[in-house]
Amino acid sequence: MKTVSTDDKGDIFTDSAGSLAMAEGPAAVGNIVLNRVRTLRGEDVYNTEAGIPYFDVIFCDMPDISLFIFYLLEQIGLTEGVSGVNDIDYTTEDYMGGKKLSYTAEISTKDGGEVTVNG
């Protein structure tokens, strides 16, 4: 698998030759997973079921972390090149008068590799 590479902010960049940087193998799978889980459900006009309904499960009066994990696993599982999710850890912390949710997902890829995705 091969895809456009992104940095930790999710931005594309150029390589040392000035070409668009590309990712292969587990790194490519990780980039695609991050793109899927950062998508707000309903914003993709070609597939309105893609992404996570953040405003319904996290950015609401009563956040439901278990439902968020369900959608996170769903989107990871639907990603081409993923063979399984080995582990998901999450933390919440006080942040600017509210809570900040962070997660780490350890993913196995179909080519036998592993990649860790943070969000």
PDB file of N, CA and C in Angstrom:
ATOM      1  N   MET A   1       0.842  -1.165   0.000  1.00  0.00           N
ATOM      2  CA  MET A   1       0.000   0.000   0.000  1.00  0.00           C
ATOM      3  C   MET A   1       0.892   1.234   0.000  1.00  0.00           C
ATOM      4  N   LYS A   2       0.438   2.261  -0.716  1.00  0.00           N
ATOM      5  CA  LYS A   2       1.192   3.502  -0.823  1.00  0.00           C
ATOM      6  C   LYS A   2       0.203   4.661  -0.805  1.00  0.00           C
ATOM      7  N   THR A   3       0.553   5.732  -0.103  1.00  0.00           N
ATOM      8  CA  THR A   3      -0.312   6.908  -0.033  1.00  0.00           C
ATOM      9  C   THR A   3       0.534   8.152   0.214  1.00  0.00           C
ATOM     10  N   VAL A   4      -0.084   9.286   0.099  1.00  0.00           N
ATOM     11  CA  VAL A   4       0.593  10.548   0.401  1.00  0.00           C
ATOM     12  C   VAL A   4       0.907  10.563   1.893  1.00  0.00           C
ATOM     13  N   SER A   5       2.109  10.992   2.241  1.00  0.00           N
ATOM     14  CA  SER A   5       2.519  11.037   3.639  1.00  0.00           C
ATOM     15  C   SER A   5       2.063  12.347   4.282  1.00  0.00           C
ATOM     16  N   THR A   6       1.807  12.281   5.580  1.00  0.00           N
ATOM     17  CA  THR A   6       1.442  13.486   6.333  1.00  0.00           C
ATOM     18  C   THR A   6       2.321  13.581   7.577  1.00  0.00           C
ATOM     19  N   ASP A   7       2.489  14.805   8.068  1.00  0.00           N
ATOM     20  CA  ASP A   7       3.263  14.992   9.298  1.00  0.00           C
ATOM     21  C   ASP A   7       2.352  14.837  10.510  1.00  0.00           C
ATOM     22  N   ASP A   8       2.872  15.086  11.720  1.00  0.00           N
ATOM     23  CA  ASP A   8       2.067  14.892  12.926  1.00  0.00           C
ATOM     24  C   ASP A   8       0.885  15.847  13.032  1.00  0.00           C
ATOM     25  N   LYS A   9       0.856  16.893  12.236  1.00  0.00           N
ATOM     26  CA  LYS A   9      -0.286  17.812  12.230  1.00  0.00           C
ATOM     27  C   LYS A   9      -1.320  17.434  11.170  1.00  0.00           C
ATOM     28  N   GLY A  10      -1.005  16.385  10.375  1.00  0.00           N
ATOM     29  CA  GLY A  10      -1.919  15.948   9.329  1.00  0.00           C
ATOM     30  C   GLY A  10      -1.727  16.673   8.014  1.00  0.00           C
ATOM     31  N   ASP A  11      -0.621  17.409   7.886  1.00  0.00           N
ATOM     32  CA  ASP A  11      -0.350  18.169   6.660  1.00  0.00           C
ATOM     33  C   ASP A  11       0.550  17.380   5.717  1.00  0.00           C
ATOM     34  N   ILE A  12       0.310  17.538   4.416  1.00  0.00           N
ATOM     35  CA  ILE A  12       1.200  16.931   3.435  1.00  0.00           C
ATOM     36  C   ILE A  12       2.485  17.760   3.391  1.00  0.00           C
ATOM     37  N   PHE A  13       3.552  17.152   2.888  1.00  0.00           N
ATOM     38  CA  PHE A  13       4.830  17.853   2.819  1.00  0.00           C
ATOM     39  C   PHE A  13       5.652  17.288   1.677  1.00  0.00           C
ATOM     40  N   THR A  14       6.766  17.939   1.379  1.00  0.00           N
ATOM     41  CA  THR A  14       7.642  17.476   0.305  1.00  0.00           C
ATOM     42  C   THR A  14       8.864  16.787   0.899  1.00  0.00           C
ATOM     43  N   ASP A  15       9.411  15.860   0.112  1.00  0.00           N
ATOM     44  CA  ASP A  15      10.608  15.151   0.564  1.00  0.00           C
ATOM     45  C   ASP A  15      11.857  15.950   0.191  1.00  0.00           C
ATOM     46  N   SER A  16      13.032  15.388   0.426  1.00  0.00           N
ATOM     47  CA  SER A  16      14.286  16.113   0.187  1.00  0.00           C
ATOM     48  C   SER A  16      14.505  16.448  -1.287  1.00  0.00           C
ATOM     49  N   ALA A  17      13.833  15.729  -2.191  1.00  0.00           N
ATOM     50  CA  ALA A  17      13.957  15.995  -3.625  1.00  0.00           C
ATOM     51  C   ALA A  17      12.932  17.022  -4.105  1.00  0.00           C
ATOM     52  N   GLY A  18      12.076  17.490  -3.196  1.00  0.00           N
ATOM     53  CA  GLY A  18      11.057  18.463  -3.566  1.00  0.00           C
ATOM     54  C   GLY A  18       9.768  17.833  -4.082  1.00  0.00           C
ATOM     55  N   SER A  19       9.683  16.514  -4.049  1.00  0.00           N
ATOM     56  CA  SER A  19       8.483  15.808  -4.490  1.00  0.00           C
ATOM     57  C   SER A  19       7.537  15.632  -3.311  1.00  0.00           C
ATOM     58  N   LEU A  20       6.291  15.373  -3.614  1.00  0.00           N
ATOM     59  CA  LEU A  20       5.313  15.090  -2.580  1.00  0.00           C
ATOM     60  C   LEU A  20       5.748  13.829  -1.838  1.00  0.00           C
ATOM     61  N   ALA A  21       5.869  13.902  -0.526  1.00  0.00           N
ATOM     62  CA  ALA A  21       6.332  12.763   0.268  1.00  0.00           C
ATOM     63  C   ALA A  21       5.286  11.654   0.245  1.00  0.00           C
ATOM     64  N   MET A  22       5.748  10.420   0.124  1.00  0.00           N
ATOM     65  CA  MET A  22       4.871   9.262   0.067  1.00  0.00           C
ATOM     66  C   MET A  22       5.188   8.333   1.236  1.00  0.00           C
ATOM     67  N   ALA A  23       4.169   7.595   1.670  1.00  0.00           N
ATOM     68  CA  ALA A  23       4.332   6.598   2.731  1.00  0.00           C
ATOM     69  C   ALA A  23       3.955   5.240   2.162  1.00  0.00           C
ATOM     70  N   GLU A  24       4.652   4.197   2.626  1.00  0.00           N
ATOM     71  CA  GLU A  24       4.375   2.832   2.188  1.00  0.00           C
ATOM     72  C   GLU A  24       4.234   1.921   3.401  1.00  0.00           C
ATOM     73  N   GLY A  25       3.638   0.754   3.198  1.00  0.00           N
ATOM     74  CA  GLY A  25       3.530  -0.249   4.242  1.00  0.00           C
ATOM     75  C   GLY A  25       2.724   0.228   5.434  1.00  0.00           C
ATOM     76  N   PRO A  26       3.160  -0.151   6.647  1.00  0.00           N
ATOM     77  CA  PRO A  26       2.413   0.227   7.850  1.00  0.00           C
ATOM     78  C   PRO A  26       2.238   1.738   8.019  1.00  0.00           C
ATOM     79  N   ALA A  27       3.234   2.522   7.608  1.00  0.00           N
ATOM     80  CA  ALA A  27       3.110   3.987   7.719  1.00  0.00           C
ATOM     81  C   ALA A  27       1.960   4.499   6.858  1.00  0.00           C
ATOM     82  N   ALA A  28       1.777   3.909   5.678  1.00  0.00           N
ATOM     83  CA  ALA A  28       0.678   4.306   4.800  1.00  0.00           C
ATOM     84  C   ALA A  28      -0.661   3.938   5.431  1.00  0.00           C
ATOM     85  N   VAL A  29      -0.741   2.744   6.009  1.00  0.00           N
ATOM     86  CA  VAL A  29      -1.977   2.313   6.679  1.00  0.00           C
ATOM     87  C   VAL A  29      -2.285   3.274   7.828  1.00  0.00           C
ATOM     88  N   GLY A  30      -1.268   3.634   8.606  1.00  0.00           N
ATOM     89  CA  GLY A  30      -1.460   4.570   9.706  1.00  0.00           C
ATOM     90  C   GLY A  30      -1.976   5.920   9.241  1.00  0.00           C
ATOM     91  N   ASN A  31      -1.444   6.432   8.134  1.00  0.00           N
ATOM     92  CA  ASN A  31      -1.920   7.708   7.588  1.00  0.00           C
ATOM     93  C   ASN A  31      -3.381   7.625   7.163  1.00  0.00           C
ATOM     94  N   ILE A  32      -3.754   6.514   6.540  1.00  0.00           N
ATOM     95  CA  ILE A  32      -5.133   6.344   6.086  1.00  0.00           C
ATOM     96  C   ILE A  32      -6.077   6.212   7.281  1.00  0.00           C
ATOM     97  N   VAL A  33      -5.657   5.465   8.309  1.00  0.00           N
ATOM     98  CA  VAL A  33      -6.467   5.343   9.522  1.00  0.00           C
ATOM     99  C   VAL A  33      -6.689   6.720  10.135  1.00  0.00           C
ATOM    100  N   LEU A  34      -5.625   7.508  10.284  1.00  0.00           N
ATOM    101  CA  LEU A  34      -5.773   8.844  10.869  1.00  0.00           C
ATOM    102  C   LEU A  34      -6.736   9.708  10.068  1.00  0.00           C
ATOM    103  N   ASN A  35      -6.670   9.623   8.761  1.00  0.00           N
ATOM    104  CA  ASN A  35      -7.582  10.390   7.925  1.00  0.00           C
ATOM    105  C   ASN A  35      -9.029   9.967   8.168  1.00  0.00           C
ATOM    106  N   ARG A  36      -9.248   8.660   8.287  1.00  0.00           N
ATOM    107  CA  ARG A  36     -10.612   8.149   8.530  1.00  0.00           C
ATOM    108  C   ARG A  36     -11.147   8.596   9.882  1.00  0.00           C
ATOM    109  N   VAL A  37     -10.319   8.488  10.931  1.00  0.00           N
ATOM    110  CA  VAL A  37     -10.828   8.794  12.271  1.00  0.00           C
ATOM    111  C   VAL A  37     -10.897  10.296  12.545  1.00  0.00           C
ATOM    112  N   ARG A  38     -10.229  11.095  11.749  1.00  0.00           N
ATOM    113  CA  ARG A  38     -10.334  12.549  11.894  1.00  0.00           C
ATOM    114  C   ARG A  38     -11.517  13.120  11.123  1.00  0.00           C
ATOM    115  N   THR A  39     -12.151  12.292  10.314  1.00  0.00           N
ATOM    116  CA  THR A  39     -13.290  12.736   9.510  1.00  0.00           C
ATOM    117  C   THR A  39     -14.547  12.792  10.370  1.00  0.00           C
ATOM    118  N   LEU A  40     -15.240  13.901  10.294  1.00  0.00           N
ATOM    119  CA  LEU A  40     -16.522  14.052  10.984  1.00  0.00           C
ATOM    120  C   LEU A  40     -17.588  13.341  10.164  1.00  0.00           C
ATOM    121  N   ARG A  41     -18.328  12.425  10.796  1.00  0.00           N
ATOM    122  CA  ARG A  41     -19.357  11.680  10.071  1.00  0.00           C
ATOM    123  C   ARG A  41     -20.328  12.647   9.417  1.00  0.00           C
ATOM    124  N   GLY A  42     -20.577  12.425   8.136  1.00  0.00           N
ATOM    125  CA  GLY A  42     -21.498  13.253   7.372  1.00  0.00           C
ATOM    126  C   GLY A  42     -20.805  14.311   6.533  1.00  0.00           C
ATOM    127  N   GLU A  43     -19.503  14.579   6.770  1.00  0.00           N
ATOM    128  CA  GLU A  43     -18.834  15.623   5.998  1.00  0.00           C
ATOM    129  C   GLU A  43     -18.350  15.135   4.635  1.00  0.00           C
ATOM    130  N   ASP A  44     -18.198  13.839   4.458  1.00  0.00           N
ATOM    131  CA  ASP A  44     -17.788  13.279   3.174  1.00  0.00           C
ATOM    132  C   ASP A  44     -19.046  13.088   2.329  1.00  0.00           C
ATOM    133  N   VAL A  45     -19.216  13.937   1.330  1.00  0.00           N
ATOM    134  CA  VAL A  45     -20.460  13.901   0.546  1.00  0.00           C
ATOM    135  C   VAL A  45     -20.620  12.615  -0.266  1.00  0.00           C
ATOM    136  N   TYR A  46     -19.531  11.895  -0.508  1.00  0.00           N
ATOM    137  CA  TYR A  46     -19.616  10.655  -1.274  1.00  0.00           C
ATOM    138  C   TYR A  46     -19.881   9.440  -0.391  1.00  0.00           C
ATOM    139  N   ASN A  47     -19.670   9.593   0.917  1.00  0.00           N
ATOM    140  CA  ASN A  47     -19.941   8.509   1.857  1.00  0.00           C
ATOM    141  C   ASN A  47     -20.288   9.137   3.209  1.00  0.00           C
ATOM    142  N   THR A  48     -21.551   9.406   3.409  1.00  0.00           N
ATOM    143  CA  THR A  48     -21.980  10.106   4.626  1.00  0.00           C
ATOM    144  C   THR A  48     -21.888   9.244   5.882  1.00  0.00           C
ATOM    145  N   GLU A  49     -21.599   7.943   5.731  1.00  0.00           N
ATOM    146  CA  GLU A  49     -21.419   7.066   6.891  1.00  0.00           C
ATOM    147  C   GLU A  49     -19.952   6.967   7.306  1.00  0.00           C
ATOM    148  N   ALA A  50     -19.060   7.604   6.555  1.00  0.00           N
ATOM    149  CA  ALA A  50     -17.641   7.580   6.907  1.00  0.00           C
ATOM    150  C   ALA A  50     -17.382   8.541   8.059  1.00  0.00           C
ATOM    151  N   GLY A  51     -16.380   8.215   8.871  1.00  0.00           N
ATOM    152  CA  GLY A  51     -15.984   9.098   9.951  1.00  0.00           C
ATOM    153  C   GLY A  51     -16.694   8.804  11.268  1.00  0.00           C
ATOM    154  N   ILE A  52     -16.473   9.680  12.219  1.00  0.00           N
ATOM    155  CA  ILE A  52     -16.997   9.522  13.576  1.00  0.00           C
ATOM    156  C   ILE A  52     -17.922  10.695  13.891  1.00  0.00           C
ATOM    157  N   PRO A  53     -19.108  10.438  14.465  1.00  0.00           N
ATOM    158  CA  PRO A  53     -20.029  11.537  14.807  1.00  0.00           C
ATOM    159  C   PRO A  53     -19.596  12.226  16.111  1.00  0.00           C
ATOM    160  N   TYR A  54     -18.505  12.972  16.025  1.00  0.00           N
ATOM    161  CA  TYR A  54     -17.914  13.592  17.213  1.00  0.00           C
ATOM    162  C   TYR A  54     -18.909  14.436  18.013  1.00  0.00           C
ATOM    163  N   PHE A  55     -19.762  15.197  17.347  1.00  0.00           N
ATOM    164  CA  PHE A  55     -20.685  16.082  18.066  1.00  0.00           C
ATOM    165  C   PHE A  55     -21.763  15.294  18.806  1.00  0.00           C
ATOM    166  N   ASP A  56     -22.033  14.067  18.382  1.00  0.00           N
ATOM    167  CA  ASP A  56     -23.036  13.233  19.054  1.00  0.00           C
ATOM    168  C   ASP A  56     -22.458  12.414  20.205  1.00  0.00           C
ATOM    169  N   VAL A  57     -21.145  12.114  20.158  1.00  0.00           N
ATOM    170  CA  VAL A  57     -20.587  11.220  21.184  1.00  0.00           C
ATOM    171  C   VAL A  57     -19.526  11.856  22.079  1.00  0.00           C
ATOM    172  N   ILE A  58     -18.841  12.872  21.621  1.00  0.00           N
ATOM    173  CA  ILE A  58     -17.773  13.480  22.416  1.00  0.00           C
ATOM    174  C   ILE A  58     -18.060  14.944  22.730  1.00  0.00           C
ATOM    175  N   PHE A  59     -18.349  15.745  21.715  1.00  0.00           N
ATOM    176  CA  PHE A  59     -18.572  17.185  21.909  1.00  0.00           C
ATOM    177  C   PHE A  59     -20.034  17.455  22.228  1.00  0.00           C
ATOM    178  N   CYS A  60     -20.508  16.887  23.317  1.00  0.00           N
ATOM    179  CA  CYS A  60     -21.914  17.030  23.700  1.00  0.00           C
ATOM    180  C   CYS A  60     -21.993  17.152  25.227  1.00  0.00           C
ATOM    181  N   ASP A  61     -23.195  17.328  25.740  1.00  0.00           N
ATOM    182  CA  ASP A  61     -23.373  17.491  27.184  1.00  0.00           C
ATOM    183  C   ASP A  61     -22.949  16.264  27.981  1.00  0.00           C
ATOM    184  N   MET A  62     -23.190  15.079  27.430  1.00  0.00           N
ATOM    185  CA  MET A  62     -22.846  13.832  28.129  1.00  0.00           C
ATOM    186  C   MET A  62     -21.997  12.946  27.211  1.00  0.00           C
ATOM    187  N   PRO A  63     -20.676  13.205  27.148  1.00  0.00           N
ATOM    188  CA  PRO A  63     -19.808  12.411  26.276  1.00  0.00           C
ATOM    189  C   PRO A  63     -19.868  10.922  26.617  1.00  0.00           C
ATOM    190  N   ASP A  64     -19.861  10.101  25.592  1.00  0.00           N
ATOM    191  CA  ASP A  64     -19.919   8.652  25.759  1.00  0.00           C
ATOM    192  C   ASP A  64     -18.649   8.051  25.155  1.00  0.00           C
ATOM    193  N   ILE A  65     -17.662   7.826  26.004  1.00  0.00           N
ATOM    194  CA  ILE A  65     -16.367   7.347  25.523  1.00  0.00           C
ATOM    195  C   ILE A  65     -16.476   5.942  24.942  1.00  0.00           C
ATOM    196  N   SER A  66     -17.317   5.091  25.522  1.00  0.00           N
ATOM    197  CA  SER A  66     -17.460   3.733  24.986  1.00  0.00           C
ATOM    198  C   SER A  66     -18.037   3.764  23.568  1.00  0.00           C
ATOM    199  N   LEU A  67     -18.944   4.686  23.298  1.00  0.00           N
ATOM    200  CA  LEU A  67     -19.493   4.827  21.947  1.00  0.00           C
ATOM    201  C   LEU A  67     -18.432   5.380  20.994  1.00  0.00           C
ATOM    202  N   PHE A  68     -17.614   6.302  21.488  1.00  0.00           N
ATOM    203  CA  PHE A  68     -16.509   6.816  20.678  1.00  0.00           C
ATOM    204  C   PHE A  68     -15.563   5.673  20.306  1.00  0.00           C
ATOM    205  N   ILE A  69     -15.213   4.829  21.277  1.00  0.00           N
ATOM    206  CA  ILE A  69     -14.322   3.698  21.010  1.00  0.00           C
ATOM    207  C   ILE A  69     -14.948   2.762  19.979  1.00  0.00           C
ATOM    208  N   PHE A  70     -16.266   2.550  20.066  1.00  0.00           N
ATOM    209  CA  PHE A  70     -16.978   1.731  19.084  1.00  0.00           C
ATOM    210  C   PHE A  70     -16.771   2.295  17.674  1.00  0.00           C
ATOM    211  N   TYR A  71     -17.011   3.610  17.509  1.00  0.00           N
ATOM    212  CA  TYR A  71     -16.846   4.234  16.192  1.00  0.00           C
ATOM    213  C   TYR A  71     -15.382   4.234  15.753  1.00  0.00           C
ATOM    214  N   LEU A  72     -14.468   4.429  16.690  1.00  0.00           N
ATOM    215  CA  LEU A  72     -13.048   4.394  16.375  1.00  0.00           C
ATOM    216  C   LEU A  72     -12.662   3.021  15.832  1.00  0.00           C
ATOM    217  N   LEU A  73     -13.084   1.965  16.525  1.00  0.00           N
ATOM    218  CA  LEU A  73     -12.803   0.603  16.061  1.00  0.00           C
ATOM    219  C   LEU A  73     -13.455   0.322  14.711  1.00  0.00           C
ATOM    220  N   GLU A  74     -14.670   0.843  14.521  1.00  0.00           N
ATOM    221  CA  GLU A  74     -15.359   0.659  13.248  1.00  0.00           C
ATOM    222  C   GLU A  74     -14.549   1.262  12.100  1.00  0.00           C
ATOM    223  N   GLN A  75     -14.111   2.497  12.261  1.00  0.00           N
ATOM    224  CA  GLN A  75     -13.380   3.168  11.196  1.00  0.00           C
ATOM    225  C   GLN A  75     -12.019   2.530  10.948  1.00  0.00           C
ATOM    226  N   ILE A  76     -11.347   2.108  12.017  1.00  0.00           N
ATOM    227  CA  ILE A  76     -10.065   1.421  11.843  1.00  0.00           C
ATOM    228  C   ILE A  76     -10.291   0.109  11.093  1.00  0.00           C
ATOM    229  N   GLY A  77     -11.304  -0.651  11.480  1.00  0.00           N
ATOM    230  CA  GLY A  77     -11.594  -1.937  10.848  1.00  0.00           C
ATOM    231  C   GLY A  77     -11.980  -1.828   9.387  1.00  0.00           C
ATOM    232  N   LEU A  78     -12.566  -0.709   8.988  1.00  0.00           N
ATOM    233  CA  LEU A  78     -12.968  -0.510   7.600  1.00  0.00           C
ATOM    234  C   LEU A  78     -11.821  -0.046   6.704  1.00  0.00           C
ATOM    235  N   THR A  79     -10.667   0.185   7.291  1.00  0.00           N
ATOM    236  CA  THR A  79      -9.522   0.693   6.543  1.00  0.00           C
ATOM    237  C   THR A  79      -8.807  -0.435   5.822  1.00  0.00           C
ATOM    238  N   GLU A  80      -8.614  -0.258   4.523  1.00  0.00           N
ATOM    239  CA  GLU A  80      -7.893  -1.241   3.725  1.00  0.00           C
ATOM    240  C   GLU A  80      -6.478  -1.391   4.282  1.00  0.00           C
ATOM    241  N   GLY A  81      -6.020  -2.616   4.410  1.00  0.00           N
ATOM    242  CA  GLY A  81      -4.672  -2.875   4.896  1.00  0.00           C
ATOM    243  C   GLY A  81      -4.605  -3.197   6.377  1.00  0.00           C
ATOM    244  N   VAL A  82      -5.705  -3.001   7.109  1.00  0.00           N
ATOM    245  CA  VAL A  82      -5.731  -3.314   8.535  1.00  0.00           C
ATOM    246  C   VAL A  82      -6.170  -4.763   8.733  1.00  0.00           C
ATOM    247  N   SER A  83      -5.414  -5.519   9.530  1.00  0.00           N
ATOM    248  CA  SER A  83      -5.831  -6.883   9.831  1.00  0.00           C
ATOM    249  C   SER A  83      -6.412  -6.995  11.228  1.00  0.00           C
ATOM    250  N   GLY A  84      -6.100  -6.043  12.106  1.00  0.00           N
ATOM    251  CA  GLY A  84      -6.666  -6.090  13.446  1.00  0.00           C
ATOM    252  C   GLY A  84      -6.173  -4.949  14.315  1.00  0.00           C
ATOM    253  N   VAL A  85      -6.855  -4.788  15.443  1.00  0.00           N
ATOM    254  CA  VAL A  85      -6.461  -3.799  16.436  1.00  0.00           C
ATOM    255  C   VAL A  85      -5.969  -4.568  17.650  1.00  0.00           C
ATOM    256  N   ASN A  86      -4.722  -4.370  18.015  1.00  0.00           N
ATOM    257  CA  ASN A  86      -4.126  -5.092  19.135  1.00  0.00           C
ATOM    258  C   ASN A  86      -4.506  -4.482  20.473  1.00  0.00           C
ATOM    259  N   ASP A  87      -4.581  -3.167  20.538  1.00  0.00           N
ATOM    260  CA  ASP A  87      -4.841  -2.500  21.806  1.00  0.00           C
ATOM    261  C   ASP A  87      -5.293  -1.068  21.551  1.00  0.00           C
ATOM    262  N   ILE A  88      -6.185  -0.598  22.412  1.00  0.00           N
ATOM    263  CA  ILE A  88      -6.567   0.819  22.421  1.00  0.00           C
ATOM    264  C   ILE A  88      -6.498   1.288  23.867  1.00  0.00           C
ATOM    265  N   ASP A  89      -5.769   2.350  24.083  1.00  0.00           N
ATOM    266  CA  ASP A  89      -5.708   2.998  25.389  1.00  0.00           C
ATOM    267  C   ASP A  89      -6.220   4.418  25.216  1.00  0.00           C
ATOM    268  N   TYR A  90      -6.905   4.908  26.230  1.00  0.00           N
ATOM    269  CA  TYR A  90      -7.341   6.303  26.186  1.00  0.00           C
ATOM    270  C   TYR A  90      -7.199   6.925  27.559  1.00  0.00           C
ATOM    271  N   THR A  91      -7.074   8.228  27.565  1.00  0.00           N
ATOM    272  CA  THR A  91      -7.015   8.990  28.807  1.00  0.00           C
ATOM    273  C   THR A  91      -7.880  10.222  28.647  1.00  0.00           C
ATOM    274  N   THR A  92      -8.385  10.711  29.763  1.00  0.00           N
ATOM    275  CA  THR A  92      -9.071  11.996  29.777  1.00  0.00           C
ATOM    276  C   THR A  92      -8.382  12.858  30.822  1.00  0.00           C
ATOM    277  N   GLU A  93      -8.315  14.138  30.558  1.00  0.00           N
ATOM    278  CA  GLU A  93      -7.715  15.062  31.515  1.00  0.00           C
ATOM    279  C   GLU A  93      -8.444  16.396  31.437  1.00  0.00           C
ATOM    280  N   ASP A  94      -8.407  17.130  32.522  1.00  0.00           N
ATOM    281  CA  ASP A  94      -9.019  18.457  32.528  1.00  0.00           C
ATOM    282  C   ASP A  94      -8.265  19.357  31.558  1.00  0.00           C
ATOM    283  N   TYR A  95      -9.035  20.119  30.783  1.00  0.00           N
ATOM    284  CA  TYR A  95      -8.426  20.959  29.761  1.00  0.00           C
ATOM    285  C   TYR A  95      -9.339  22.141  29.479  1.00  0.00           C
ATOM    286  N   MET A  96      -8.884  23.323  29.788  1.00  0.00           N
ATOM    287  CA  MET A  96      -9.615  24.564  29.497  1.00  0.00           C
ATOM    288  C   MET A  96     -11.081  24.512  29.937  1.00  0.00           C
ATOM    289  N   GLY A  97     -11.331  24.060  31.141  1.00  0.00           N
ATOM    290  CA  GLY A  97     -12.690  24.015  31.664  1.00  0.00           C
ATOM    291  C   GLY A  97     -13.498  22.804  31.239  1.00  0.00           C
ATOM    292  N   GLY A  98     -12.895  21.913  30.488  1.00  0.00           N
ATOM    293  CA  GLY A  98     -13.590  20.709  30.051  1.00  0.00           C
ATOM    294  C   GLY A  98     -12.664  19.520  30.162  1.00  0.00           C
ATOM    295  N   LYS A  99     -12.912  18.517  29.378  1.00  0.00           N
ATOM    296  CA  LYS A  99     -12.087  17.307  29.370  1.00  0.00           C
ATOM    297  C   LYS A  99     -11.431  17.154  28.007  1.00  0.00           C
ATOM    298  N   LYS A 100     -10.217  16.653  28.007  1.00  0.00           N
ATOM    299  CA  LYS A 100      -9.492  16.352  26.779  1.00  0.00           C
ATOM    300  C   LYS A 100      -9.347  14.839  26.688  1.00  0.00           C
ATOM    301  N   LEU A 101      -9.761  14.266  25.575  1.00  0.00           N
ATOM    302  CA  LEU A 101      -9.662  12.830  25.331  1.00  0.00           C
ATOM    303  C   LEU A 101      -8.481  12.577  24.404  1.00  0.00           C
ATOM    304  N   SER A 102      -7.613  11.673  24.789  1.00  0.00           N
ATOM    305  CA  SER A 102      -6.494  11.249  23.946  1.00  0.00           C
ATOM    306  C   SER A 102      -6.541   9.727  23.848  1.00  0.00           C
ATOM    307  N   TYR A 103      -6.124   9.197  22.710  1.00  0.00           N
ATOM    308  CA  TYR A 103      -6.123   7.749  22.542  1.00  0.00           C
ATOM    309  C   TYR A 103      -4.891   7.298  21.770  1.00  0.00           C
ATOM    310  N   THR A 104      -4.544   6.044  21.956  1.00  0.00           N
ATOM    311  CA  THR A 104      -3.488   5.378  21.209  1.00  0.00           C
ATOM    312  C   THR A 104      -4.036   4.027  20.767  1.00  0.00           C
ATOM    313  N   ALA A 105      -3.917   3.743  19.482  1.00  0.00           N
ATOM    314  CA  ALA A 105      -4.369   2.466  18.933  1.00  0.00           C
ATOM    315  C   ALA A 105      -3.185   1.752  18.289  1.00  0.00           C
ATOM    316  N   GLU A 106      -2.955   0.523  18.712  1.00  0.00           N
ATOM    317  CA  GLU A 106      -1.921  -0.299  18.113  1.00  0.00           C
ATOM    318  C   GLU A 106      -2.588  -1.219  17.095  1.00  0.00           C
ATOM    319  N   ILE A 107      -2.163  -1.095  15.837  1.00  0.00           N
ATOM    320  CA  ILE A 107      -2.843  -1.752  14.725  1.00  0.00           C
ATOM    321  C   ILE A 107      -1.902  -2.712  14.009  1.00  0.00           C
ATOM    322  N   SER A 108      -2.409  -3.901  13.674  1.00  0.00           N
ATOM    323  CA  SER A 108      -1.679  -4.846  12.833  1.00  0.00           C
ATOM    324  C   SER A 108      -2.113  -4.636  11.390  1.00  0.00           C
ATOM    325  N   THR A 109      -1.142  -4.721  10.485  1.00  0.00           N
ATOM    326  CA  THR A 109      -1.452  -4.536   9.072  1.00  0.00           C
ATOM    327  C   THR A 109      -1.404  -5.874   8.338  1.00  0.00           C
ATOM    328  N   LYS A 110      -2.072  -5.930   7.209  1.00  0.00           N
ATOM    329  CA  LYS A 110      -2.167  -7.180   6.444  1.00  0.00           C
ATOM    330  C   LYS A 110      -0.826  -7.638   5.894  1.00  0.00           C
ATOM    331  N   ASP A 111       0.144  -6.706   5.802  1.00  0.00           N
ATOM    332  CA  ASP A 111       1.474  -7.107   5.325  1.00  0.00           C
ATOM    333  C   ASP A 111       2.369  -7.569   6.459  1.00  0.00           C
ATOM    334  N   GLY A 112       1.798  -7.783   7.653  1.00  0.00           N
ATOM    335  CA  GLY A 112       2.550  -8.295   8.786  1.00  0.00           C
ATOM    336  C   GLY A 112       3.192  -7.235   9.660  1.00  0.00           C
ATOM    337  N   GLY A 113       2.973  -5.972   9.350  1.00  0.00           N
ATOM    338  CA  GLY A 113       3.570  -4.899  10.137  1.00  0.00           C
ATOM    339  C   GLY A 113       2.635  -4.428  11.243  1.00  0.00           C
ATOM    340  N   GLU A 114       3.127  -3.486  11.993  1.00  0.00           N
ATOM    341  CA  GLU A 114       2.334  -2.854  13.045  1.00  0.00           C
ATOM    342  C   GLU A 114       2.538  -1.359  12.978  1.00  0.00           C
ATOM    343  N   VAL A 115       1.510  -0.619  13.383  1.00  0.00           N
ATOM    344  CA  VAL A 115       1.593   0.834  13.415  1.00  0.00           C
ATOM    345  C   VAL A 115       0.800   1.332  14.623  1.00  0.00           C
ATOM    346  N   THR A 116       1.276   2.394  15.230  1.00  0.00           N
ATOM    347  CA  THR A 116       0.590   3.012  16.354  1.00  0.00           C
ATOM    348  C   THR A 116       0.023   4.340  15.904  1.00  0.00           C
ATOM    349  N   VAL A 117      -1.248   4.558  16.193  1.00  0.00           N
ATOM    350  CA  VAL A 117      -1.949   5.783  15.799  1.00  0.00           C
ATOM    351  C   VAL A 117      -2.357   6.514  17.074  1.00  0.00           C
ATOM    352  N   ASN A 118      -2.077   7.800  17.136  1.00  0.00           N
ATOM    353  CA  ASN A 118      -2.423   8.627  18.287  1.00  0.00           C
ATOM    354  C   ASN A 118      -3.390   9.728  17.874  1.00  0.00           C
ATOM    355  N   GLY A 119      -4.336   9.992  18.734  1.00  0.00           N
ATOM    356  CA  GLY A 119      -5.275  11.079  18.448  1.00  0.00           C
ATOM    357  C   GLY A 119      -5.799  11.687  19.710  1.00  0.00           C
TER     358      GLY A 119
END
